[in-house]
Every structure is written in C-alpha cells, then in structure tokens.
Amino acid sequence: MSSEAPWFEVAFGELYPVLYAHRDDASAAGETEFTVRTLDLEPGDRVLDLGCGGGRHLRGLSAAGITAVGMDLSKALLDDNAARGGERLVRADMRRLPFGPGTLDAVVSFFTSFGYFASDHEDRLVLREVARVVRPGGRYLLDYLDAREVGANVVPRSEKTVGGYQIVEARRIEDGRVKKQVWIRRTSDGEEAVAYEESVRLYSPAELEAMIDAVGFDVRKRFGALDGRALGEGGRCVIAAVRR
C-alpha cells in the first residue's frame, strides 16, 4: 500500500466516485440550499468551492445564480466535473490559491476537504490562503467531521460491493488522526484496482474555531450537519464565519 505520492493524490482518482456513489447531486441539493441561506449568498456573488471534486455542490451553487468557481487538485475529478457541464474549473493546490487578495465573496468547503496534510502548519496555511482571497465582510463555510463523534463511533472495518468493485475499508484512530486503509478490487477478476491509506487530522470544534479566528474570521454559526442540526447532533462540524 506504500506510495511515494501523498495519499490524497491517489485517493481522489477515477474510482473515487465509486467509493462514494451514494453522495450524488440529489443529496447535495439540500446542502447547497442550506449553505446559500446560511451565508446569505446572492446571485452574482463570486464563490469558490474549494475541493469541488466532481461538482455536486458547484452545480447547485451555479443553479442559484452564484458565480461559482470550482477548484481541486484531482485532474480525474475535474474532468468528470467538466463532462457533467462544469465551468470555471481550476486545478490547483489549496495551500496556494490562484486568486488575488479580497477577490472572492465567499469560500465554501464541503465533505471534509481539510486536514489532509502531514503538519498542522500546512492546514493553517490553507486557512490563511482562504482569508487572503475573501474580501472583508465575505464569508467562509467549512463542512468538517466532528472529531468527538469520529472517536466515539469509529467503525473498524467495513465491506461493500458497488458498480463491479469490492471495497474494503479498515479504520483506526492514531496520532490525532483518523486513518483509513482502502482496498478496491474488481469483482470480475479479483484484481486490485487501487489501494491507499487515507489520513485526516482530527481537530476538535474548539480547535477549528480558534484556527479560523486566528486568520481573520469571526465565527458566527456552528452546526452538526448541513441541515441546521445543532453541533453534536449530526456527526459533522459545520462552521460559518465572516471575514473581519
């Protein structure tokens, strides 16, 4: 399972949509509507979907009249996004956002597109970049996992078959991170298609808030899911903040 490339360069490839086939445009529609209301977004607002992947939320933002820009590091997912009609797509590293200071009205980041890097310094760099490109009074929404819920409810192992592939996932908590080994094999011949170990930093809600505040945002709202449930009730940690 060893690879010289960082895990996130391997994981977000052509088979990523198979692993998360249940997360489709229909499931994203309500989340996007909630985000637009929560951030008071208006038609014409320039909004970056950071870690847009295949564009589930990006399409919802565009449908609401938002001037939405999608950014991801994965060429495979951006190609899939474009094939589904995605426009204004940018391939870049979130540690170096290719936008000028204060040029965006908002940045949104869905489905734990944060905490991937080996050091906390790099995660803070991502937040500093977000603060740099959002105008004063602009907004930021981070949809992240709730570390407390993950620690209490981690599932050690699971298996499923989706679209001609057998998927095995083994999870553990280690060194302040949730780590997940993933094996994806073709059911037709049993050959391994891809294998990697995902590693995401487990920041508590309080730690996240402190990090976001430190780069120049005021945290205004906290939720446990992208449907308005209270923090601690939905398994997620959703933070909405305004740029000072």
Protein backbone atom coordinates (compact mmCIF):
# COMPACT_ATOMS: atom_id res chain seq x y z
CA MET A 1 0.00 0.00 0.00
CA SER A 2 3.04 2.25 0.07
CA SER A 3 3.21 5.06 -2.49
CA GLU A 4 5.56 7.97 -2.98
CA ALA A 5 2.65 10.26 -3.80
CA PRO A 6 0.62 11.81 -0.95
CA TRP A 7 -2.49 9.75 -0.19
CA PHE A 8 -4.85 12.46 -1.44
CA GLU A 9 -3.27 12.35 -4.89
CA VAL A 10 -4.05 8.63 -5.08
CA ALA A 11 -7.46 8.57 -3.39
CA PHE A 12 -9.19 11.22 -5.47
CA GLY A 13 -8.85 9.40 -8.76
CA GLU A 14 -11.22 7.81 -11.23
CA LEU A 15 -12.59 5.33 -8.67
CA TYR A 16 -13.40 7.92 -6.01
CA PRO A 17 -17.00 8.31 -7.29
CA VAL A 18 -17.44 4.54 -6.89
CA LEU A 19 -16.38 4.68 -3.24
CA TYR A 20 -18.90 7.46 -2.53
CA ALA A 21 -21.58 6.59 -5.07
CA HIS A 22 -24.31 7.42 -2.54
CA ARG A 23 -23.22 11.07 -2.49
CA ASP A 24 -24.91 12.40 -5.61
CA ASP A 25 -26.44 15.64 -6.88
CA ALA A 26 -29.72 14.90 -5.13
CA SER A 27 -28.04 14.58 -1.74
CA ALA A 28 -26.05 17.77 -2.38
CA ALA A 29 -29.06 19.89 -3.39
CA GLY A 30 -30.38 20.42 0.13
CA GLU A 31 -26.86 21.02 1.46
CA THR A 32 -26.27 23.70 -1.15
CA GLU A 33 -29.59 25.41 -0.40
CA PHE A 34 -28.72 25.42 3.30
CA THR A 35 -25.31 26.93 2.54
CA VAL A 36 -26.76 29.70 0.39
CA ARG A 37 -29.20 30.64 3.16
CA THR A 38 -26.66 30.38 5.97
CA LEU A 39 -24.08 32.57 4.23
CA ASP A 40 -26.69 34.96 2.78
CA LEU A 41 -25.29 34.41 -0.69
CA GLU A 42 -26.85 36.36 -3.53
CA PRO A 43 -26.94 35.87 -7.31
CA GLY A 44 -23.72 37.14 -8.81
CA ASP A 45 -21.61 36.53 -5.71
CA ARG A 46 -18.21 35.12 -6.62
CA VAL A 47 -17.82 31.94 -4.59
CA LEU A 48 -15.03 29.37 -4.57
CA ASP A 49 -15.96 25.72 -3.99
CA LEU A 50 -12.64 24.59 -2.53
CA GLY A 51 -12.13 20.88 -3.13
CA CYS A 52 -15.06 20.76 -5.55
CA GLY A 53 -14.40 17.22 -6.80
CA GLY A 54 -16.98 16.12 -9.35
CA GLY A 55 -19.03 19.28 -8.79
CA ARG A 56 -22.10 18.12 -6.83
CA HIS A 57 -22.32 21.34 -4.83
CA LEU A 58 -20.83 23.51 -7.57
CA ARG A 59 -23.79 22.74 -9.82
CA GLY A 60 -26.20 23.68 -7.05
CA LEU A 61 -24.43 26.98 -6.45
CA SER A 62 -24.50 27.81 -10.15
CA ALA A 63 -28.21 26.96 -10.32
CA ALA A 64 -28.79 29.54 -7.56
CA GLY A 65 -27.24 32.24 -9.74
CA ILE A 66 -23.92 32.24 -7.89
CA THR A 67 -20.78 32.88 -9.94
CA ALA A 68 -19.25 29.67 -8.66
CA VAL A 69 -15.65 28.65 -9.30
CA GLY A 70 -14.58 25.08 -8.62
CA MET A 71 -11.05 24.21 -7.55
CA ASP A 72 -9.50 20.82 -6.96
CA LEU A 73 -6.12 19.12 -7.24
CA SER A 74 -7.55 16.00 -8.87
CA LYS A 75 -7.47 16.04 -12.67
CA ALA A 76 -9.71 12.96 -12.78
CA LEU A 77 -12.45 14.60 -10.72
CA LEU A 78 -12.19 17.90 -12.59
CA ASP A 79 -12.51 16.01 -15.88
CA ASP A 80 -15.63 14.31 -14.52
CA ASN A 81 -16.90 17.71 -13.39
CA ALA A 82 -16.38 19.20 -16.85
CA ALA A 83 -18.07 16.22 -18.50
CA ARG A 84 -21.15 16.99 -16.39
CA GLY A 85 -21.23 20.58 -17.59
CA GLY A 86 -18.95 22.17 -15.02
CA GLU A 87 -17.46 25.54 -15.95
CA ARG A 88 -14.93 27.87 -14.32
CA LEU A 89 -12.82 24.98 -13.07
CA VAL A 90 -9.31 25.43 -11.71
CA ARG A 91 -6.71 22.80 -10.89
CA ALA A 92 -4.50 23.95 -8.03
CA ASP A 93 -3.20 23.16 -4.54
CA MET A 94 -5.28 24.66 -1.71
CA ARG A 95 -2.10 25.74 0.04
CA ARG A 96 -1.52 28.21 -2.81
CA LEU A 97 -4.83 29.61 -4.06
CA PRO A 98 -4.55 31.19 -7.54
CA PHE A 99 -6.74 34.20 -6.72
CA GLY A 100 -5.94 37.78 -5.81
CA PRO A 101 -6.40 39.30 -2.34
CA GLY A 102 -10.03 40.03 -1.48
CA THR A 103 -11.36 38.92 -4.86
CA LEU A 104 -13.96 36.44 -3.59
CA ASP A 105 -17.25 36.98 -1.76
CA ALA A 106 -17.09 33.56 -0.13
CA VAL A 107 -15.26 30.25 0.05
CA VAL A 108 -17.09 27.01 0.80
CA SER A 109 -15.52 23.65 1.53
CA PHE A 110 -17.67 20.53 1.72
CA PHE A 111 -17.22 16.93 2.89
CA THR A 112 -14.05 17.27 4.96
CA SER A 113 -11.80 18.84 2.34
CA PHE A 114 -9.43 19.87 5.13
CA GLY A 115 -6.88 18.31 7.46
CA TYR A 116 -5.18 16.24 4.76
CA PHE A 117 -1.62 17.41 5.20
CA ALA A 118 1.17 15.98 7.32
CA SER A 119 1.58 19.07 9.50
CA ASP A 120 -0.80 21.43 11.30
CA HIS A 121 1.25 24.27 9.79
CA GLU A 122 0.08 23.28 6.31
CA ASP A 123 -3.55 23.19 7.43
CA ARG A 124 -3.16 26.68 8.89
CA LEU A 125 -1.63 27.77 5.60
CA VAL A 126 -4.83 26.70 3.84
CA LEU A 127 -6.87 28.86 6.21
CA ARG A 128 -4.54 31.82 5.72
CA GLU A 129 -4.97 31.48 1.97
CA VAL A 130 -8.76 31.41 2.36
CA ALA A 131 -8.60 34.57 4.48
CA ARG A 132 -6.35 36.24 1.91
CA VAL A 133 -8.71 35.75 -1.03
CA VAL A 134 -12.00 36.56 0.77
CA ARG A 135 -12.95 40.24 0.90
CA PRO A 136 -13.69 41.96 4.23
CA GLY A 137 -17.26 41.06 5.13
CA GLY A 138 -17.04 37.97 2.94
CA ARG A 139 -17.90 34.53 4.24
CA TYR A 140 -16.39 31.09 4.78
CA LEU A 141 -18.13 27.78 5.38
CA LEU A 142 -16.20 24.67 6.38
CA ASP A 143 -18.00 21.33 6.47
CA TYR A 144 -15.71 19.09 8.50
CA LEU A 145 -16.02 15.97 10.60
CA ASP A 146 -16.79 16.20 14.31
CA ALA A 147 -13.70 14.67 15.90
CA ARG A 148 -15.63 13.76 19.04
CA GLU A 149 -18.17 11.75 17.06
CA VAL A 150 -15.49 10.05 14.99
CA GLY A 151 -13.56 8.99 18.07
CA ALA A 152 -16.65 7.59 19.76
CA ASN A 153 -18.13 5.80 16.75
CA VAL A 154 -15.27 4.68 14.51
CA VAL A 155 -16.14 1.52 12.54
CA PRO A 156 -13.02 -0.70 12.47
CA ARG A 157 -13.86 -2.49 9.21
CA SER A 158 -16.50 -2.47 6.50
CA GLU A 159 -17.02 -4.10 3.11
CA LYS A 160 -19.35 -3.36 0.21
CA THR A 161 -19.73 -4.05 -3.49
CA VAL A 162 -20.54 -1.15 -5.80
CA GLY A 163 -20.55 -0.95 -9.59
CA GLY A 164 -18.43 -4.03 -10.17
CA TYR A 165 -15.93 -3.30 -7.41
CA GLN A 166 -15.41 -4.79 -3.96
CA ILE A 167 -14.44 -2.11 -1.45
CA VAL A 168 -12.82 -2.92 1.90
CA GLU A 169 -12.14 -0.16 4.44
CA ALA A 170 -10.26 -0.52 7.74
CA ARG A 171 -10.27 2.45 10.15
CA ARG A 172 -8.37 3.42 13.28
CA ILE A 173 -7.58 6.48 15.38
CA GLU A 174 -3.85 7.12 15.67
CA ASP A 175 -1.65 10.12 16.46
CA GLY A 176 -4.56 12.56 16.45
CA ARG A 177 -5.75 11.43 13.04
CA VAL A 178 -8.40 9.14 11.64
CA LYS A 179 -6.68 6.71 9.30
CA LYS A 180 -8.46 4.53 6.79
CA GLN A 181 -6.92 1.81 4.67
CA VAL A 182 -8.85 1.33 1.44
CA TRP A 183 -8.67 -1.58 -0.97
CA ILE A 184 -10.72 -1.55 -4.18
CA ARG A 185 -10.79 -4.73 -6.27
CA ARG A 186 -12.62 -5.62 -9.46
CA THR A 187 -15.26 -8.27 -8.82
CA SER A 188 -14.79 -9.67 -12.33
CA ASP A 189 -11.28 -10.99 -11.71
CA GLY A 190 -10.40 -10.07 -8.12
CA GLU A 191 -7.55 -7.85 -9.26
CA GLU A 192 -6.69 -4.90 -7.05
CA ALA A 193 -7.56 -1.63 -8.79
CA VAL A 194 -6.25 0.76 -6.15
CA ALA A 195 -5.11 0.74 -2.51
CA TYR A 196 -4.10 3.57 -0.22
CA GLU A 197 -4.24 4.82 3.37
CA GLU A 198 -6.27 7.96 3.98
CA SER A 199 -5.15 10.15 6.89
CA VAL A 200 -7.19 13.11 8.15
CA ARG A 201 -6.32 15.29 11.13
CA LEU A 202 -8.86 15.21 13.97
CA TYR A 203 -9.30 18.83 15.02
CA SER A 204 -11.91 19.40 17.71
CA PRO A 205 -14.61 22.02 17.05
CA ALA A 206 -12.89 24.35 19.53
CA GLU A 207 -9.53 23.92 17.78
CA LEU A 208 -11.08 24.62 14.39
CA GLU A 209 -12.78 27.76 15.65
CA ALA A 210 -9.52 29.03 17.15
CA MET A 211 -7.66 28.38 13.89
CA ILE A 212 -10.31 30.14 11.81
CA ASP A 213 -10.42 33.10 14.20
CA ALA A 214 -6.63 33.40 14.14
CA VAL A 215 -6.52 34.08 10.38
CA GLY A 216 -9.09 36.89 10.49
CA PHE A 217 -12.59 35.41 10.56
CA ASP A 218 -15.34 35.80 13.16
CA VAL A 219 -17.18 32.52 13.68
CA ARG A 220 -20.90 33.29 13.60
CA LYS A 221 -22.66 29.92 13.39
CA ARG A 222 -21.97 26.28 14.23
CA PHE A 223 -23.95 23.22 13.12
CA GLY A 224 -23.81 19.46 13.37
CA ALA A 225 -24.83 18.90 9.74
CA LEU A 226 -25.64 20.81 6.57
CA ASP A 227 -29.31 20.86 7.50
CA GLY A 228 -29.21 23.08 10.57
CA ARG A 229 -28.94 20.44 13.28
CA ALA A 230 -27.08 21.58 16.39
CA LEU A 231 -23.39 20.82 16.80
CA GLY A 232 -23.09 17.40 18.42
CA GLU A 233 -26.27 16.04 16.83
CA GLY A 234 -25.34 15.34 13.22
CA GLY A 235 -21.85 13.87 13.28
CA ARG A 236 -20.37 16.83 11.43
CA CYS A 237 -18.79 20.14 12.42
CA VAL A 238 -20.03 22.91 10.13
CA ILE A 239 -18.61 26.36 10.81
CA ALA A 240 -19.82 29.57 9.16
CA ALA A 241 -17.62 32.65 9.58
CA VAL A 242 -17.33 36.25 8.35
CA ARG A 243 -14.07 37.91 7.29
CA ARG A 244 -13.03 40.79 9.52
